Amino acid sequence: MKIKLNGVDMVTHCTTLEDLVMVESHQQNSVATALNGEFVAIKDRADTLLSEGDAIEIIAPMSGG
């Protein structure tokens, strides 16, 4: 299915937000996620189904000064 991840169009076979986070090589506890502009908590990612055209943000914290 076609989705938009962090503003970039892509094709994925992932069906849940949890799967997508793992495929994109992120640690579940080290990122924040949003689906179509709505925050999705870690505990809800496995039950959050992806659909054609969804816009997903996976945001990792940045350190520095």
PDB file of N, CA and C in Angstrom:
ATOM      1  N   MET A   1       0.837  -1.177   0.000  1.00  0.00           N
ATOM      2  CA  MET A   1       0.000   0.000   0.000  1.00  0.00           C
ATOM      3  C   MET A   1       0.885   1.244   0.000  1.00  0.00           C
ATOM      4  N   LYS A   2       0.359   2.334  -0.520  1.00  0.00           N
ATOM      5  CA  LYS A   2       1.094   3.590  -0.555  1.00  0.00           C
ATOM      6  C   LYS A   2       0.745   4.416   0.676  1.00  0.00           C
ATOM      7  N   ILE A   3       1.785   4.885   1.359  1.00  0.00           N
ATOM      8  CA  ILE A   3       1.627   5.755   2.524  1.00  0.00           C
ATOM      9  C   ILE A   3       2.616   6.909   2.393  1.00  0.00           C
ATOM     10  N   LYS A   4       2.531   7.832   3.316  1.00  0.00           N
ATOM     11  CA  LYS A   4       3.498   8.916   3.404  1.00  0.00           C
ATOM     12  C   LYS A   4       4.155   8.803   4.773  1.00  0.00           C
ATOM     13  N   LEU A   5       5.473   8.584   4.797  1.00  0.00           N
ATOM     14  CA  LEU A   5       6.222   8.454   6.048  1.00  0.00           C
ATOM     15  C   LEU A   5       7.143   9.648   6.182  1.00  0.00           C
ATOM     16  N   ASN A   6       6.915  10.424   7.224  1.00  0.00           N
ATOM     17  CA  ASN A   6       7.707  11.632   7.472  1.00  0.00           C
ATOM     18  C   ASN A   6       7.775  12.513   6.230  1.00  0.00           C
ATOM     19  N   GLY A   7       6.646  12.627   5.533  1.00  0.00           N
ATOM     20  CA  GLY A   7       6.541  13.507   4.384  1.00  0.00           C
ATOM     21  C   GLY A   7       7.005  12.925   3.060  1.00  0.00           C
ATOM     22  N   VAL A   8       7.448  11.652   3.074  1.00  0.00           N
ATOM     23  CA  VAL A   8       7.963  11.014   1.863  1.00  0.00           C
ATOM     24  C   VAL A   8       7.028   9.875   1.446  1.00  0.00           C
ATOM     25  N   ASP A   9       6.616   9.887   0.184  1.00  0.00           N
ATOM     26  CA  ASP A   9       5.770   8.802  -0.329  1.00  0.00           C
ATOM     27  C   ASP A   9       6.561   7.502  -0.349  1.00  0.00           C
ATOM     28  N   MET A  10       5.922   6.426   0.054  1.00  0.00           N
ATOM     29  CA  MET A  10       6.565   5.117   0.027  1.00  0.00           C
ATOM     30  C   MET A  10       5.521   4.026  -0.089  1.00  0.00           C
ATOM     31  N   VAL A  11       5.988   2.827  -0.424  1.00  0.00           N
ATOM     32  CA  VAL A  11       5.134   1.647  -0.481  1.00  0.00           C
ATOM     33  C   VAL A  11       5.571   0.727   0.644  1.00  0.00           C
ATOM     34  N   THR A  12       4.608   0.159   1.354  1.00  0.00           N
ATOM     35  CA  THR A  12       4.920  -0.743   2.458  1.00  0.00           C
ATOM     36  C   THR A  12       3.975  -1.941   2.453  1.00  0.00           C
ATOM     37  N   HIS A  13       4.432  -3.026   3.035  1.00  0.00           N
ATOM     38  CA  HIS A  13       3.597  -4.201   3.236  1.00  0.00           C
ATOM     39  C   HIS A  13       3.171  -4.311   4.699  1.00  0.00           C
ATOM     40  N   CYS A  14       3.615  -3.357   5.529  1.00  0.00           N
ATOM     41  CA  CYS A  14       3.257  -3.357   6.949  1.00  0.00           C
ATOM     42  C   CYS A  14       1.760  -3.101   7.092  1.00  0.00           C
ATOM     43  N   THR A  15       1.165  -3.766   8.070  1.00  0.00           N
ATOM     44  CA  THR A  15      -0.269  -3.591   8.291  1.00  0.00           C
ATOM     45  C   THR A  15      -0.576  -2.811   9.562  1.00  0.00           C
ATOM     46  N   THR A  16       0.403  -2.721  10.478  1.00  0.00           N
ATOM     47  CA  THR A  16       0.190  -1.970  11.715  1.00  0.00           C
ATOM     48  C   THR A  16       1.305  -0.946  11.890  1.00  0.00           C
ATOM     49  N   LEU A  17       1.033   0.033  12.722  1.00  0.00           N
ATOM     50  CA  LEU A  17       2.031   1.049  13.018  1.00  0.00           C
ATOM     51  C   LEU A  17       3.233   0.427  13.726  1.00  0.00           C
ATOM     52  N   GLU A  18       2.999  -0.540  14.588  1.00  0.00           N
ATOM     53  CA  GLU A  18       4.094  -1.219  15.272  1.00  0.00           C
ATOM     54  C   GLU A  18       5.029  -1.894  14.264  1.00  0.00           C
ATOM     55  N   ASP A  19       4.474  -2.587  13.281  1.00  0.00           N
ATOM     56  CA  ASP A  19       5.284  -3.236  12.248  1.00  0.00           C
ATOM     57  C   ASP A  19       6.130  -2.209  11.497  1.00  0.00           C
ATOM     58  N   LEU A  20       5.537  -1.089  11.153  1.00  0.00           N
ATOM     59  CA  LEU A  20       6.254  -0.062  10.404  1.00  0.00           C
ATOM     60  C   LEU A  20       7.416   0.501  11.209  1.00  0.00           C
ATOM     61  N   VAL A  21       7.191   0.762  12.483  1.00  0.00           N
ATOM     62  CA  VAL A  21       8.273   1.272  13.338  1.00  0.00           C
ATOM     63  C   VAL A  21       9.425   0.279  13.366  1.00  0.00           C
ATOM     64  N   MET A  22       9.122  -0.994  13.486  1.00  0.00           N
ATOM     65  CA  MET A  22      10.175  -2.012  13.535  1.00  0.00           C
ATOM     66  C   MET A  22      10.891  -2.138  12.188  1.00  0.00           C
ATOM     67  N   VAL A  23      10.159  -2.133  11.085  1.00  0.00           N
ATOM     68  CA  VAL A  23      10.757  -2.244   9.754  1.00  0.00           C
ATOM     69  C   VAL A  23      11.686  -1.061   9.481  1.00  0.00           C
ATOM     70  N   GLU A  24      11.318   0.090  10.001  1.00  0.00           N
ATOM     71  CA  GLU A  24      12.140   1.285   9.800  1.00  0.00           C
ATOM     72  C   GLU A  24      13.312   1.338  10.787  1.00  0.00           C
ATOM     73  N   SER A  25      13.531   0.240  11.516  1.00  0.00           N
ATOM     74  CA  SER A  25      14.688   0.072  12.418  1.00  0.00           C
ATOM     75  C   SER A  25      14.715   1.059  13.579  1.00  0.00           C
ATOM     76  N   HIS A  26      13.562   1.306  14.149  1.00  0.00           N
ATOM     77  CA  HIS A  26      13.482   2.161  15.336  1.00  0.00           C
ATOM     78  C   HIS A  26      13.160   1.296  16.552  1.00  0.00           C
ATOM     79  N   GLN A  27      13.697   1.687  17.685  1.00  0.00           N
ATOM     80  CA  GLN A  27      13.330   1.054  18.944  1.00  0.00           C
ATOM     81  C   GLN A  27      11.950   1.589  19.340  1.00  0.00           C
ATOM     82  N   GLN A  28      11.048   0.715  19.718  1.00  0.00           N
ATOM     83  CA  GLN A  28       9.678   1.113  20.056  1.00  0.00           C
ATOM     84  C   GLN A  28       9.636   2.214  21.117  1.00  0.00           C
ATOM     85  N   ASN A  29      10.536   2.127  22.113  1.00  0.00           N
ATOM     86  CA  ASN A  29      10.499   3.062  23.230  1.00  0.00           C
ATOM     87  C   ASN A  29      11.240   4.360  22.957  1.00  0.00           C
ATOM     88  N   SER A  30      11.905   4.468  21.809  1.00  0.00           N
ATOM     89  CA  SER A  30      12.736   5.652  21.581  1.00  0.00           C
ATOM     90  C   SER A  30      12.165   6.617  20.546  1.00  0.00           C
ATOM     91  N   VAL A  31      10.940   6.385  20.106  1.00  0.00           N
ATOM     92  CA  VAL A  31      10.330   7.278  19.116  1.00  0.00           C
ATOM     93  C   VAL A  31       8.900   7.636  19.509  1.00  0.00           C
ATOM     94  N   ALA A  32       8.445   8.750  18.954  1.00  0.00           N
ATOM     95  CA  ALA A  32       7.039   9.138  19.059  1.00  0.00           C
ATOM     96  C   ALA A  32       6.410   8.903  17.692  1.00  0.00           C
ATOM     97  N   THR A  33       5.131   8.588  17.681  1.00  0.00           N
ATOM     98  CA  THR A  33       4.461   8.309  16.414  1.00  0.00           C
ATOM     99  C   THR A  33       3.138   9.062  16.316  1.00  0.00           C
ATOM    100  N   ALA A  34       2.797   9.379  15.070  1.00  0.00           N
ATOM    101  CA  ALA A  34       1.507  10.002  14.797  1.00  0.00           C
ATOM    102  C   ALA A  34       0.956   9.404  13.506  1.00  0.00           C
ATOM    103  N   LEU A  35      -0.341   9.248  13.464  1.00  0.00           N
ATOM    104  CA  LEU A  35      -1.035   8.733  12.288  1.00  0.00           C
ATOM    105  C   LEU A  35      -2.066   9.774  11.878  1.00  0.00           C
ATOM    106  N   ASN A  36      -1.898  10.304  10.673  1.00  0.00           N
ATOM    107  CA  ASN A  36      -2.803  11.333  10.154  1.00  0.00           C
ATOM    108  C   ASN A  36      -2.974  12.489  11.134  1.00  0.00           C
ATOM    109  N   GLY A  37      -1.840  12.899  11.730  1.00  0.00           N
ATOM    110  CA  GLY A  37      -1.828  14.062  12.612  1.00  0.00           C
ATOM    111  C   GLY A  37      -2.229  13.800  14.047  1.00  0.00           C
ATOM    112  N   GLU A  38      -2.550  12.561  14.386  1.00  0.00           N
ATOM    113  CA  GLU A  38      -2.962  12.214  15.752  1.00  0.00           C
ATOM    114  C   GLU A  38      -1.888  11.370  16.418  1.00  0.00           C
ATOM    115  N   PHE A  39      -1.457  11.768  17.627  1.00  0.00           N
ATOM    116  CA  PHE A  39      -0.471  11.017  18.392  1.00  0.00           C
ATOM    117  C   PHE A  39      -0.965   9.595  18.644  1.00  0.00           C
ATOM    118  N   VAL A  40      -0.059   8.614  18.511  1.00  0.00           N
ATOM    119  CA  VAL A  40      -0.382   7.217  18.819  1.00  0.00           C
ATOM    120  C   VAL A  40       0.587   6.738  19.893  1.00  0.00           C
ATOM    121  N   ALA A  41       0.061   6.353  21.045  1.00  0.00           N
ATOM    122  CA  ALA A  41       0.874   5.881  22.165  1.00  0.00           C
ATOM    123  C   ALA A  41       1.502   4.520  21.836  1.00  0.00           C
ATOM    124  N   ILE A  42       2.622   4.234  22.479  1.00  0.00           N
ATOM    125  CA  ILE A  42       3.321   2.960  22.272  1.00  0.00           C
ATOM    126  C   ILE A  42       2.365   1.786  22.455  1.00  0.00           C
ATOM    127  N   LYS A  43       1.561   1.825  23.493  1.00  0.00           N
ATOM    128  CA  LYS A  43       0.667   0.702  23.808  1.00  0.00           C
ATOM    129  C   LYS A  43      -0.407   0.474  22.742  1.00  0.00           C
ATOM    130  N   ASP A  44      -0.647   1.469  21.895  1.00  0.00           N
ATOM    131  CA  ASP A  44      -1.696   1.363  20.879  1.00  0.00           C
ATOM    132  C   ASP A  44      -1.173   1.024  19.487  1.00  0.00           C
ATOM    133  N   ARG A  45       0.137   1.012  19.291  1.00  0.00           N
ATOM    134  CA  ARG A  45       0.700   0.819  17.950  1.00  0.00           C
ATOM    135  C   ARG A  45       0.365  -0.534  17.331  1.00  0.00           C
ATOM    136  N   ALA A  46       0.369  -1.598  18.117  1.00  0.00           N
ATOM    137  CA  ALA A  46       0.089  -2.942  17.582  1.00  0.00           C
ATOM    138  C   ALA A  46      -1.347  -3.045  17.068  1.00  0.00           C
ATOM    139  N   ASP A  47      -2.254  -2.258  17.631  1.00  0.00           N
ATOM    140  CA  ASP A  47      -3.660  -2.296  17.241  1.00  0.00           C
ATOM    141  C   ASP A  47      -4.029  -1.202  16.233  1.00  0.00           C
ATOM    142  N   THR A  48      -3.044  -0.377  15.858  1.00  0.00           N
ATOM    143  CA  THR A  48      -3.297   0.715  14.930  1.00  0.00           C
ATOM    144  C   THR A  48      -3.025   0.245  13.506  1.00  0.00           C
ATOM    145  N   LEU A  49      -4.098   0.014  12.765  1.00  0.00           N
ATOM    146  CA  LEU A  49      -3.982  -0.492  11.403  1.00  0.00           C
ATOM    147  C   LEU A  49      -3.668   0.639  10.432  1.00  0.00           C
ATOM    148  N   LEU A  50      -2.828   0.325   9.453  1.00  0.00           N
ATOM    149  CA  LEU A  50      -2.482   1.285   8.412  1.00  0.00           C
ATOM    150  C   LEU A  50      -3.407   1.090   7.221  1.00  0.00           C
ATOM    151  N   SER A  51      -3.696   2.201   6.539  1.00  0.00           N
ATOM    152  CA  SER A  51      -4.553   2.180   5.351  1.00  0.00           C
ATOM    153  C   SER A  51      -3.883   2.951   4.230  1.00  0.00           C
ATOM    154  N   GLU A  52      -4.272   2.627   3.018  1.00  0.00           N
ATOM    155  CA  GLU A  52      -3.789   3.326   1.836  1.00  0.00           C
ATOM    156  C   GLU A  52      -3.925   4.833   2.035  1.00  0.00           C
ATOM    157  N   GLY A  53      -2.837   5.564   1.774  1.00  0.00           N
ATOM    158  CA  GLY A  53      -2.862   7.018   1.843  1.00  0.00           C
ATOM    159  C   GLY A  53      -2.610   7.619   3.208  1.00  0.00           C
ATOM    160  N   ASP A  54      -2.404   6.792   4.235  1.00  0.00           N
ATOM    161  CA  ASP A  54      -2.128   7.316   5.570  1.00  0.00           C
ATOM    162  C   ASP A  54      -0.846   8.138   5.581  1.00  0.00           C
ATOM    163  N   ALA A  55      -0.820   9.144   6.456  1.00  0.00           N
ATOM    164  CA  ALA A  55       0.373   9.943   6.690  1.00  0.00           C
ATOM    165  C   ALA A  55       0.883   9.612   8.091  1.00  0.00           C
ATOM    166  N   ILE A  56       2.090   9.071   8.165  1.00  0.00           N
ATOM    167  CA  ILE A  56       2.675   8.631   9.421  1.00  0.00           C
ATOM    168  C   ILE A  56       3.911   9.452   9.711  1.00  0.00           C
ATOM    169  N   GLU A  57       4.073   9.831  10.967  1.00  0.00           N
ATOM    170  CA  GLU A  57       5.290  10.484  11.428  1.00  0.00           C
ATOM    171  C   GLU A  57       5.925   9.596  12.483  1.00  0.00           C
ATOM    172  N   ILE A  58       7.213   9.325  12.309  1.00  0.00           N
ATOM    173  CA  ILE A  58       8.015   8.629  13.315  1.00  0.00           C
ATOM    174  C   ILE A  58       9.126   9.597  13.681  1.00  0.00           C
ATOM    175  N   ILE A  59       9.097  10.057  14.929  1.00  0.00           N
ATOM    176  CA  ILE A  59      10.012  11.105  15.350  1.00  0.00           C
ATOM    177  C   ILE A  59      10.909  10.599  16.465  1.00  0.00           C
ATOM    178  N   ALA A  60      12.216  10.666  16.219  1.00  0.00           N
ATOM    179  CA  ALA A  60      13.209  10.271  17.215  1.00  0.00           C
ATOM    180  C   ALA A  60      13.739  11.539  17.897  1.00  0.00           C
ATOM    181  N   PRO A  61      13.963  11.475  19.207  1.00  0.00           N
ATOM    182  CA  PRO A  61      14.491  12.651  19.898  1.00  0.00           C
ATOM    183  C   PRO A  61      15.927  12.951  19.431  1.00  0.00           C
ATOM    184  N   MET A  62      16.256  14.219  19.419  1.00  0.00           N
ATOM    185  CA  MET A  62      17.596  14.654  19.037  1.00  0.00           C
ATOM    186  C   MET A  62      18.288  15.196  20.273  1.00  0.00           C
ATOM    187  N   SER A  63      19.547  14.886  20.421  1.00  0.00           N
ATOM    188  CA  SER A  63      20.299  15.449  21.531  1.00  0.00           C
ATOM    189  C   SER A  63      21.280  16.466  20.985  1.00  0.00           C
ATOM    190  N   GLY A  64      21.699  17.320  21.833  1.00  0.00           N
ATOM    191  CA  GLY A  64      22.646  18.349  21.414  1.00  0.00           C
ATOM    192  C   GLY A  64      22.340  19.658  22.092  1.00  0.00           C
ATOM    193  N   GLY A  65      23.056  20.638  21.713  1.00  0.00           N
ATOM    194  CA  GLY A  65      22.881  21.914  22.405  1.00  0.00           C
ATOM    195  C   GLY A  65      22.955  23.018  21.516  1.00  0.00           C
TER     196      GLY A  65
END
